[in-house]
Amino acid sequence: MLELFLNGGIDFIRAIRLLILPGWPHNLNMDLDLWVFFALNSMHI
């Protein structure tokens, strides 16, 4: 999956963050910017 992300143009750090997801949908203590990052990128998974 990492190779697919990298070949698709996603940078390494973003790809790793997408592959190791926390339980973001119901985490009310998560920083809003980080929550939005996971919400917008969840379509790649």
N, C-alpha and C. Protein backbone atom coordinates (compact mmCIF):
# COMPACT_ATOMS: atom_id res chain seq x y z
N MET A 1 0.83 -1.18 0.00
CA MET A 1 0.00 0.00 0.00
C MET A 1 0.88 1.25 0.00
N LEU A 2 1.95 1.21 0.75
CA LEU A 2 2.86 2.35 0.78
C LEU A 2 3.40 2.62 -0.63
N GLU A 3 3.80 1.58 -1.32
CA GLU A 3 4.33 1.75 -2.67
C GLU A 3 3.27 2.34 -3.60
N LEU A 4 2.04 1.93 -3.45
CA LEU A 4 0.96 2.47 -4.27
C LEU A 4 0.77 3.96 -4.00
N PHE A 5 0.77 4.35 -2.73
CA PHE A 5 0.65 5.77 -2.39
C PHE A 5 1.81 6.58 -2.98
N LEU A 6 3.03 6.08 -2.81
CA LEU A 6 4.19 6.81 -3.30
C LEU A 6 4.18 6.93 -4.82
N ASN A 7 3.81 5.85 -5.51
CA ASN A 7 3.72 5.89 -6.97
C ASN A 7 2.58 6.79 -7.44
N GLY A 8 1.59 6.98 -6.60
CA GLY A 8 0.46 7.85 -6.93
C GLY A 8 0.73 9.31 -6.65
N GLY A 9 1.91 9.62 -6.12
CA GLY A 9 2.28 11.02 -5.91
C GLY A 9 2.11 11.54 -4.50
N ILE A 10 1.69 10.69 -3.57
CA ILE A 10 1.57 11.12 -2.18
C ILE A 10 2.94 11.06 -1.53
N ASP A 11 3.31 12.13 -0.81
CA ASP A 11 4.64 12.15 -0.21
C ASP A 11 4.74 11.13 0.93
N PHE A 12 5.96 10.76 1.28
CA PHE A 12 6.22 9.67 2.22
C PHE A 12 5.56 9.88 3.58
N ILE A 13 5.73 11.05 4.17
CA ILE A 13 5.18 11.31 5.51
C ILE A 13 3.66 11.21 5.50
N ARG A 14 3.03 11.78 4.49
CA ARG A 14 1.57 11.71 4.40
C ARG A 14 1.12 10.26 4.23
N ALA A 15 1.82 9.49 3.42
CA ALA A 15 1.46 8.09 3.20
C ALA A 15 1.55 7.30 4.49
N ILE A 16 2.61 7.51 5.25
CA ILE A 16 2.77 6.80 6.52
C ILE A 16 1.66 7.19 7.49
N ARG A 17 1.32 8.49 7.53
CA ARG A 17 0.26 8.94 8.43
C ARG A 17 -1.09 8.37 8.03
N LEU A 18 -1.27 8.10 6.73
CA LEU A 18 -2.52 7.51 6.28
C LEU A 18 -2.60 6.02 6.59
N LEU A 19 -1.46 5.35 6.63
CA LEU A 19 -1.44 3.92 6.87
C LEU A 19 -1.53 3.57 8.35
N ILE A 20 -1.15 4.50 9.21
CA ILE A 20 -1.20 4.25 10.65
C ILE A 20 -2.20 5.24 11.25
N LEU A 21 -3.47 4.93 11.08
CA LEU A 21 -4.53 5.84 11.52
C LEU A 21 -4.88 5.63 12.98
N PRO A 22 -5.06 6.72 13.70
CA PRO A 22 -5.61 6.60 15.05
C PRO A 22 -7.13 6.46 14.93
N GLY A 23 -7.81 6.31 16.03
CA GLY A 23 -9.27 6.27 16.00
C GLY A 23 -9.82 7.69 15.90
N TRP A 24 -9.69 8.29 14.73
CA TRP A 24 -9.98 9.72 14.58
C TRP A 24 -11.46 10.10 14.54
N PRO A 25 -12.39 9.29 14.03
CA PRO A 25 -13.75 9.81 13.87
C PRO A 25 -14.43 10.26 15.17
N HIS A 26 -14.15 9.59 16.26
CA HIS A 26 -14.84 9.90 17.50
C HIS A 26 -13.92 10.50 18.56
N ASN A 27 -12.74 10.94 18.13
CA ASN A 27 -11.77 11.51 19.07
C ASN A 27 -12.02 13.01 19.20
N LEU A 28 -12.68 13.42 20.26
CA LEU A 28 -13.00 14.83 20.46
C LEU A 28 -11.83 15.64 20.99
N ASN A 29 -10.77 14.97 21.44
CA ASN A 29 -9.60 15.66 21.97
C ASN A 29 -8.54 15.92 20.92
N MET A 30 -8.74 15.41 19.71
CA MET A 30 -7.75 15.57 18.64
C MET A 30 -7.78 17.01 18.11
N ASP A 31 -6.61 17.51 17.76
CA ASP A 31 -6.49 18.83 17.15
C ASP A 31 -7.37 18.88 15.89
N LEU A 32 -8.09 19.97 15.70
CA LEU A 32 -9.03 20.09 14.58
C LEU A 32 -8.34 19.93 13.23
N ASP A 33 -7.16 20.53 13.06
CA ASP A 33 -6.43 20.40 11.79
C ASP A 33 -6.08 18.95 11.49
N LEU A 34 -5.67 18.21 12.50
CA LEU A 34 -5.33 16.81 12.32
C LEU A 34 -6.58 15.99 12.02
N TRP A 35 -7.69 16.29 12.70
CA TRP A 35 -8.94 15.60 12.45
C TRP A 35 -9.39 15.81 11.00
N VAL A 36 -9.29 17.05 10.52
CA VAL A 36 -9.67 17.36 9.14
C VAL A 36 -8.75 16.64 8.17
N PHE A 37 -7.45 16.56 8.48
CA PHE A 37 -6.50 15.83 7.63
C PHE A 37 -6.96 14.39 7.45
N PHE A 38 -7.29 13.72 8.54
CA PHE A 38 -7.74 12.33 8.45
C PHE A 38 -9.09 12.22 7.75
N ALA A 39 -9.99 13.15 8.00
CA ALA A 39 -11.30 13.11 7.36
C ALA A 39 -11.18 13.27 5.85
N LEU A 40 -10.38 14.21 5.39
CA LEU A 40 -10.24 14.44 3.96
C LEU A 40 -9.48 13.32 3.26
N ASN A 41 -8.55 12.72 3.95
CA ASN A 41 -7.74 11.69 3.33
C ASN A 41 -8.28 10.28 3.54
N SER A 42 -9.39 10.16 4.26
CA SER A 42 -9.95 8.82 4.50
C SER A 42 -10.44 8.19 3.21
N MET A 43 -10.70 8.99 2.19
CA MET A 43 -11.16 8.43 0.91
C MET A 43 -10.07 7.64 0.21
N HIS A 44 -8.80 7.86 0.56
CA HIS A 44 -7.70 7.13 -0.06
C HIS A 44 -7.58 5.70 0.48
N ILE A 45 -8.14 5.49 1.64
CA ILE A 45 -8.02 4.18 2.27
C ILE A 45 -9.02 3.30 1.65
